[in-house]
Amino acid sequence: QVQLVESGGGLVQVGGSLRLSCVASGRIFSINDMGWYRQAPGKQRELVAIHISGGRINYADSVKGRFTISRDNAKSTVVLQMNSLKPEDTAAYYCYAGSGYGSSRLAYWGQGTQVTVSS
């Protein structure tokens, strides 16, 4: 099992910045991917940014150039730096960790942290 604890959400004005952090514990050696998803009210959960084992990083088109994901394997953390925030970035943000491959793949989620961008 892997446990994920997020921190750093809050209320910010349009154009502002926030930094989300996620610390993993438990079977951290089994983690391949770590990243962030978000879910706005009435919408499906969507990928924001993910750091894939081997160094590849994927961003949602809507956040490219504004958000930066970084991962520290030694500290089992993943950080999402969010700049130039927009009202449409308002959502609950969830830390994600994936382990295993194929049929053995497991997904772990944090409890979520709220980000609210006010205009």
Protein backbone atom coordinates (compact mmCIF):
# COMPACT_ATOMS: atom_id res chain seq x y z
CA GLN A 1 0.00 0.00 0.00
CA VAL A 2 1.00 3.58 -0.67
CA GLN A 3 -0.31 6.53 1.27
CA LEU A 4 -0.35 10.03 -0.22
CA VAL A 5 -0.73 13.27 1.72
CA GLU A 6 -1.24 16.57 -0.09
CA SER A 7 -0.77 20.11 1.11
CA GLY A 8 -0.74 23.61 -0.30
CA GLY A 9 -4.21 24.31 -1.63
CA GLY A 10 -6.14 27.47 -0.87
CA LEU A 11 -7.76 30.61 -2.19
CA VAL A 12 -5.89 32.82 -4.64
CA GLN A 13 -6.76 35.67 -6.98
CA VAL A 14 -6.60 35.44 -10.73
CA GLY A 15 -3.01 35.57 -11.91
CA GLY A 16 -1.67 34.35 -8.60
CA SER A 17 0.38 31.29 -7.77
CA LEU A 18 0.07 28.23 -5.56
CA ARG A 19 2.35 25.32 -4.82
CA LEU A 20 0.95 21.87 -4.12
CA SER A 21 3.04 19.19 -2.46
CA CYS A 22 2.44 15.48 -2.06
CA VAL A 23 4.43 13.09 0.12
CA ALA A 24 4.24 9.35 -0.39
CA SER A 25 4.79 6.74 2.28
CA GLY A 26 4.48 2.99 2.55
CA ARG A 27 5.62 0.86 -0.40
CA ILE A 28 7.24 3.78 -2.15
CA PHE A 29 9.72 1.52 -3.93
CA SER A 30 6.82 0.20 -6.00
CA ILE A 31 5.84 3.62 -7.40
CA ASN A 32 6.37 4.20 -11.11
CA ASP A 33 4.39 7.35 -11.86
CA MET A 34 3.42 10.31 -9.72
CA GLY A 35 1.31 13.26 -10.66
CA TRP A 36 -1.74 15.41 -10.18
CA TYR A 37 -5.35 15.21 -11.29
CA ARG A 38 -8.17 17.62 -10.63
CA GLN A 39 -11.93 17.51 -10.48
CA ALA A 40 -14.24 20.48 -10.69
CA PRO A 41 -17.87 20.27 -9.53
CA GLY A 42 -20.00 18.42 -12.06
CA LYS A 43 -17.00 17.39 -14.14
CA GLN A 44 -14.91 14.28 -14.50
CA ARG A 45 -11.51 13.96 -12.91
CA GLU A 46 -8.83 15.00 -15.38
CA LEU A 47 -5.09 14.75 -15.66
CA VAL A 48 -3.18 17.92 -14.83
CA ALA A 49 0.43 16.76 -14.93
CA ILE A 50 2.25 13.49 -14.48
CA HIS A 51 5.88 12.50 -14.01
CA ILE A 52 6.42 9.07 -15.50
CA SER A 53 9.17 6.70 -14.44
CA GLY A 54 12.13 7.35 -16.72
CA GLY A 55 11.67 11.10 -16.67
CA ARG A 56 8.91 11.77 -19.20
CA ILE A 57 6.41 14.44 -18.17
CA ASN A 58 2.95 15.05 -19.58
CA TYR A 59 0.81 18.14 -19.04
CA ALA A 60 -2.79 18.87 -19.87
CA ASP A 61 -2.93 21.37 -22.73
CA SER A 62 -4.84 23.78 -20.51
CA VAL A 63 -1.93 24.14 -18.07
CA LYS A 64 1.09 24.01 -20.36
CA GLY A 65 3.36 26.97 -19.79
CA ARG A 66 1.72 27.81 -16.47
CA PHE A 67 2.16 24.71 -14.29
CA THR A 68 5.35 22.82 -13.54
CA ILE A 69 5.60 19.39 -11.98
CA SER A 70 8.71 18.19 -10.21
CA ARG A 71 9.52 14.96 -8.45
CA ASP A 72 12.07 14.11 -5.80
CA ASN A 73 12.42 10.35 -5.56
CA ALA A 74 14.75 10.57 -2.57
CA LYS A 75 12.03 12.37 -0.61
CA SER A 76 9.13 10.53 -2.28
CA THR A 77 7.51 13.82 -3.11
CA VAL A 78 5.90 15.42 -6.10
CA VAL A 79 5.28 19.15 -6.35
CA LEU A 80 3.00 21.10 -8.64
CA GLN A 81 3.91 24.77 -9.07
CA MET A 82 0.92 26.64 -10.45
CA ASN A 83 1.37 30.13 -11.88
CA SER A 84 -0.91 32.53 -13.72
CA LEU A 85 -3.93 30.85 -12.20
CA LYS A 86 -7.31 31.24 -13.87
CA PRO A 87 -10.85 30.78 -12.51
CA GLU A 88 -11.16 27.60 -14.58
CA ASP A 89 -8.32 26.10 -12.54
CA THR A 90 -10.67 25.98 -9.55
CA ALA A 91 -11.04 22.35 -8.52
CA ALA A 92 -10.11 19.72 -5.99
CA TYR A 93 -6.59 18.57 -6.80
CA TYR A 94 -5.61 14.96 -6.14
CA CYS A 95 -2.15 13.49 -5.89
CA TYR A 96 -1.76 10.25 -7.83
CA ALA A 97 0.77 7.44 -7.67
CA GLY A 98 0.84 4.39 -9.91
CA SER A 99 2.64 1.13 -9.30
CA GLY A 100 3.08 -2.06 -11.25
CA TYR A 101 2.39 -2.74 -14.91
CA GLY A 102 -0.40 -4.17 -17.00
CA SER A 103 -2.89 -6.25 -15.07
CA SER A 104 -0.89 -5.69 -11.88
CA ARG A 105 -1.15 -1.94 -12.06
CA LEU A 106 -2.46 -0.18 -8.97
CA ALA A 107 -3.52 3.44 -8.51
CA TYR A 108 -3.29 5.36 -5.29
CA TRP A 109 -4.92 8.70 -4.50
CA GLY A 110 -4.53 11.39 -1.92
CA GLN A 111 -7.47 12.88 -0.08
CA GLY A 112 -7.53 15.98 -2.28
CA THR A 113 -6.81 19.62 -1.68
CA GLN A 114 -9.05 22.46 -2.80
CA VAL A 115 -7.78 25.20 -5.09
CA THR A 116 -10.06 28.18 -5.59
CA VAL A 117 -9.17 31.00 -7.98
CA SER A 118 -11.27 34.10 -7.48
CA SER A 119 -11.84 36.87 -9.98
